[in-house]
């Protein structure tokens, strides 16, 4: 499945890359691409994965790497 997640207030492309790398390692995630300029993430994940659980983990990762940013669907 594919889902776009809005990421606002990222400070730099380096933070976007760190978030992308960390999210890509989550169980159930097939691919994660963060577009810094467009302020969005494309998340490709297994059909059997719990999206709400994934989204909570993604928020934790983003908060740890870039506390100023906010995520929304």
N, C-alpha and C. Protein backbone atom coordinates (compact mmCIF):
# COMPACT_ATOMS: atom_id res chain seq x y z
N UNK A 1 0.84 -1.17 0.00
CA UNK A 1 0.00 0.00 0.00
C UNK A 1 0.89 1.23 0.00
N UNK A 2 0.33 2.33 -0.50
CA UNK A 2 1.05 3.60 -0.54
C UNK A 2 0.24 4.65 0.21
N UNK A 3 0.96 5.54 0.89
CA UNK A 3 0.30 6.61 1.61
C UNK A 3 1.24 7.80 1.64
N UNK A 4 0.67 8.99 1.47
CA UNK A 4 1.45 10.22 1.61
C UNK A 4 1.23 10.79 3.00
N UNK A 5 2.32 11.26 3.59
CA UNK A 5 2.27 11.90 4.90
C UNK A 5 2.88 13.29 4.76
N UNK A 6 2.18 14.30 5.22
CA UNK A 6 2.67 15.68 5.17
C UNK A 6 3.64 15.89 6.32
N UNK A 7 4.80 16.47 6.00
CA UNK A 7 5.81 16.79 7.01
C UNK A 7 6.09 18.29 6.91
N UNK A 8 5.67 19.03 7.91
CA UNK A 8 5.86 20.48 7.90
C UNK A 8 6.99 20.88 8.83
N UNK A 9 7.66 21.96 8.48
CA UNK A 9 8.70 22.59 9.29
C UNK A 9 9.97 21.77 9.46
N UNK A 10 10.34 21.01 8.44
CA UNK A 10 11.65 20.37 8.46
C UNK A 10 12.70 21.46 8.26
N UNK A 11 13.78 21.40 9.02
CA UNK A 11 14.76 22.48 8.94
C UNK A 11 15.74 22.33 7.78
N UNK A 12 15.99 21.10 7.35
CA UNK A 12 16.97 20.92 6.28
C UNK A 12 16.79 19.56 5.59
N UNK A 13 17.45 19.42 4.45
CA UNK A 13 17.39 18.17 3.70
C UNK A 13 18.09 17.05 4.45
N UNK A 14 19.07 17.38 5.27
CA UNK A 14 19.77 16.37 6.06
C UNK A 14 18.82 15.69 7.04
N UNK A 15 17.98 16.47 7.70
CA UNK A 15 16.99 15.90 8.63
C UNK A 15 16.01 15.02 7.87
N UNK A 16 15.60 15.46 6.69
CA UNK A 16 14.69 14.67 5.87
C UNK A 16 15.32 13.32 5.53
N UNK A 17 16.60 13.33 5.19
CA UNK A 17 17.31 12.10 4.85
C UNK A 17 17.41 11.17 6.06
N UNK A 18 17.66 11.74 7.24
CA UNK A 18 17.74 10.92 8.45
C UNK A 18 16.40 10.26 8.77
N UNK A 19 15.31 11.02 8.62
CA UNK A 19 13.98 10.47 8.86
C UNK A 19 13.69 9.36 7.85
N UNK A 20 13.98 9.62 6.59
CA UNK A 20 13.77 8.63 5.53
C UNK A 20 14.51 7.33 5.84
N UNK A 21 15.76 7.44 6.23
CA UNK A 21 16.58 6.25 6.52
C UNK A 21 16.01 5.47 7.71
N UNK A 22 15.64 6.17 8.77
CA UNK A 22 15.12 5.50 9.97
C UNK A 22 13.78 4.84 9.71
N UNK A 23 12.89 5.52 8.99
CA UNK A 23 11.56 4.97 8.71
C UNK A 23 11.68 3.76 7.78
N UNK A 24 12.62 3.80 6.85
CA UNK A 24 12.82 2.68 5.92
C UNK A 24 13.17 1.38 6.63
N UNK A 25 13.74 1.50 7.84
CA UNK A 25 14.15 0.32 8.60
C UNK A 25 13.02 -0.30 9.43
N UNK A 26 11.88 0.38 9.51
CA UNK A 26 10.77 -0.14 10.31
C UNK A 26 10.20 -1.40 9.68
N UNK A 27 9.80 -2.32 10.53
CA UNK A 27 9.18 -3.55 10.06
C UNK A 27 7.86 -3.23 9.37
N UNK A 28 7.66 -3.79 8.19
CA UNK A 28 6.44 -3.56 7.43
C UNK A 28 6.58 -2.47 6.39
N UNK A 29 7.65 -1.69 6.46
CA UNK A 29 7.87 -0.62 5.48
C UNK A 29 8.70 -1.17 4.33
N UNK A 30 8.18 -1.02 3.11
CA UNK A 30 8.90 -1.46 1.93
C UNK A 30 9.78 -0.37 1.36
N UNK A 31 9.29 0.88 1.45
CA UNK A 31 10.04 2.00 0.91
C UNK A 31 9.54 3.29 1.55
N UNK A 32 10.46 4.20 1.78
CA UNK A 32 10.10 5.50 2.32
C UNK A 32 10.91 6.55 1.57
N UNK A 33 10.24 7.55 1.04
CA UNK A 33 10.90 8.64 0.35
C UNK A 33 10.38 9.95 0.92
N UNK A 34 11.31 10.79 1.41
CA UNK A 34 10.94 12.09 1.95
C UNK A 34 11.38 13.16 0.97
N UNK A 35 10.42 13.97 0.54
CA UNK A 35 10.72 15.10 -0.36
C UNK A 35 10.74 16.36 0.50
N UNK A 36 11.94 16.87 0.76
CA UNK A 36 12.12 18.04 1.62
C UNK A 36 11.39 19.27 1.06
N UNK A 37 11.54 19.52 -0.21
CA UNK A 37 10.94 20.72 -0.83
C UNK A 37 9.41 20.66 -0.84
N UNK A 38 8.86 19.48 -1.11
CA UNK A 38 7.40 19.32 -1.16
C UNK A 38 6.80 19.11 0.22
N UNK A 39 7.64 18.89 1.22
CA UNK A 39 7.21 18.64 2.59
C UNK A 39 6.27 17.44 2.70
N UNK A 40 6.66 16.34 2.03
CA UNK A 40 5.85 15.14 2.17
C UNK A 40 6.70 13.88 2.06
N UNK A 41 6.14 12.83 2.62
CA UNK A 41 6.76 11.52 2.64
C UNK A 41 5.85 10.56 1.89
N UNK A 42 6.45 9.76 1.02
CA UNK A 42 5.73 8.67 0.38
C UNK A 42 6.13 7.41 1.11
N UNK A 43 5.14 6.76 1.67
CA UNK A 43 5.36 5.55 2.44
C UNK A 43 4.72 4.38 1.71
N UNK A 44 5.53 3.37 1.41
CA UNK A 44 5.03 2.13 0.84
C UNK A 44 5.22 1.05 1.90
N UNK A 45 4.12 0.36 2.23
CA UNK A 45 4.18 -0.61 3.32
C UNK A 45 3.35 -1.84 2.99
N UNK A 46 3.61 -2.91 3.74
CA UNK A 46 2.90 -4.18 3.53
C UNK A 46 1.40 -4.01 3.78
N UNK A 47 0.61 -4.73 3.01
CA UNK A 47 -0.84 -4.71 3.20
C UNK A 47 -1.24 -5.18 4.59
N UNK A 48 -0.44 -6.08 5.16
CA UNK A 48 -0.77 -6.65 6.47
C UNK A 48 -0.31 -5.76 7.63
N UNK A 49 0.44 -4.70 7.34
CA UNK A 49 0.95 -3.83 8.40
C UNK A 49 -0.15 -2.94 8.96
N UNK A 50 -0.06 -2.66 10.24
CA UNK A 50 -1.01 -1.77 10.92
C UNK A 50 -0.54 -0.33 10.69
N UNK A 51 -1.27 0.41 9.84
CA UNK A 51 -0.83 1.76 9.51
C UNK A 51 -0.80 2.68 10.73
N UNK A 52 -1.78 2.58 11.60
CA UNK A 52 -1.81 3.45 12.79
C UNK A 52 -0.57 3.23 13.65
N UNK A 53 -0.17 1.98 13.80
CA UNK A 53 1.04 1.67 14.56
C UNK A 53 2.28 2.21 13.88
N UNK A 54 2.34 2.06 12.55
CA UNK A 54 3.46 2.60 11.79
C UNK A 54 3.53 4.12 11.92
N UNK A 55 2.38 4.76 11.80
CA UNK A 55 2.34 6.22 11.86
C UNK A 55 2.83 6.71 13.23
N UNK A 56 2.46 6.02 14.29
CA UNK A 56 2.92 6.39 15.63
C UNK A 56 4.44 6.27 15.73
N UNK A 57 5.00 5.21 15.16
CA UNK A 57 6.46 5.03 15.18
C UNK A 57 7.15 6.10 14.34
N UNK A 58 6.54 6.44 13.21
CA UNK A 58 7.11 7.47 12.34
C UNK A 58 7.13 8.82 13.07
N UNK A 59 6.06 9.11 13.80
CA UNK A 59 6.01 10.36 14.58
C UNK A 59 7.11 10.39 15.63
N UNK A 60 7.34 9.26 16.30
CA UNK A 60 8.41 9.17 17.30
C UNK A 60 9.77 9.45 16.66
N UNK A 61 10.00 8.86 15.50
CA UNK A 61 11.27 9.06 14.80
C UNK A 61 11.44 10.52 14.43
N UNK A 62 10.41 11.10 13.84
CA UNK A 62 10.47 12.51 13.43
C UNK A 62 10.70 13.43 14.63
N UNK A 63 10.03 13.16 15.74
CA UNK A 63 10.20 13.97 16.95
C UNK A 63 11.62 13.88 17.49
N UNK A 64 12.21 12.71 17.40
CA UNK A 64 13.58 12.52 17.89
C UNK A 64 14.59 13.24 17.00
N UNK A 65 14.40 13.17 15.69
CA UNK A 65 15.35 13.75 14.75
C UNK A 65 15.12 15.25 14.57
N UNK A 66 13.87 15.65 14.44
CA UNK A 66 13.53 17.05 14.19
C UNK A 66 12.30 17.43 15.01
N UNK A 67 12.50 17.82 16.28
CA UNK A 67 11.37 18.11 17.18
C UNK A 67 10.45 19.23 16.71
N UNK A 68 10.95 20.08 15.83
CA UNK A 68 10.14 21.22 15.36
C UNK A 68 9.12 20.83 14.28
N UNK A 69 9.30 19.68 13.66
CA UNK A 69 8.42 19.31 12.55
C UNK A 69 7.11 18.69 13.04
N UNK A 70 6.12 18.69 12.18
CA UNK A 70 4.85 18.07 12.49
C UNK A 70 4.40 17.20 11.32
N UNK A 71 3.75 16.08 11.65
CA UNK A 71 3.28 15.14 10.64
C UNK A 71 1.76 15.09 10.65
N UNK A 72 1.20 14.96 9.46
CA UNK A 72 -0.25 14.82 9.35
C UNK A 72 -0.57 14.02 8.09
N UNK A 73 -1.79 13.49 8.07
CA UNK A 73 -2.23 12.70 6.90
C UNK A 73 -2.94 13.58 5.90
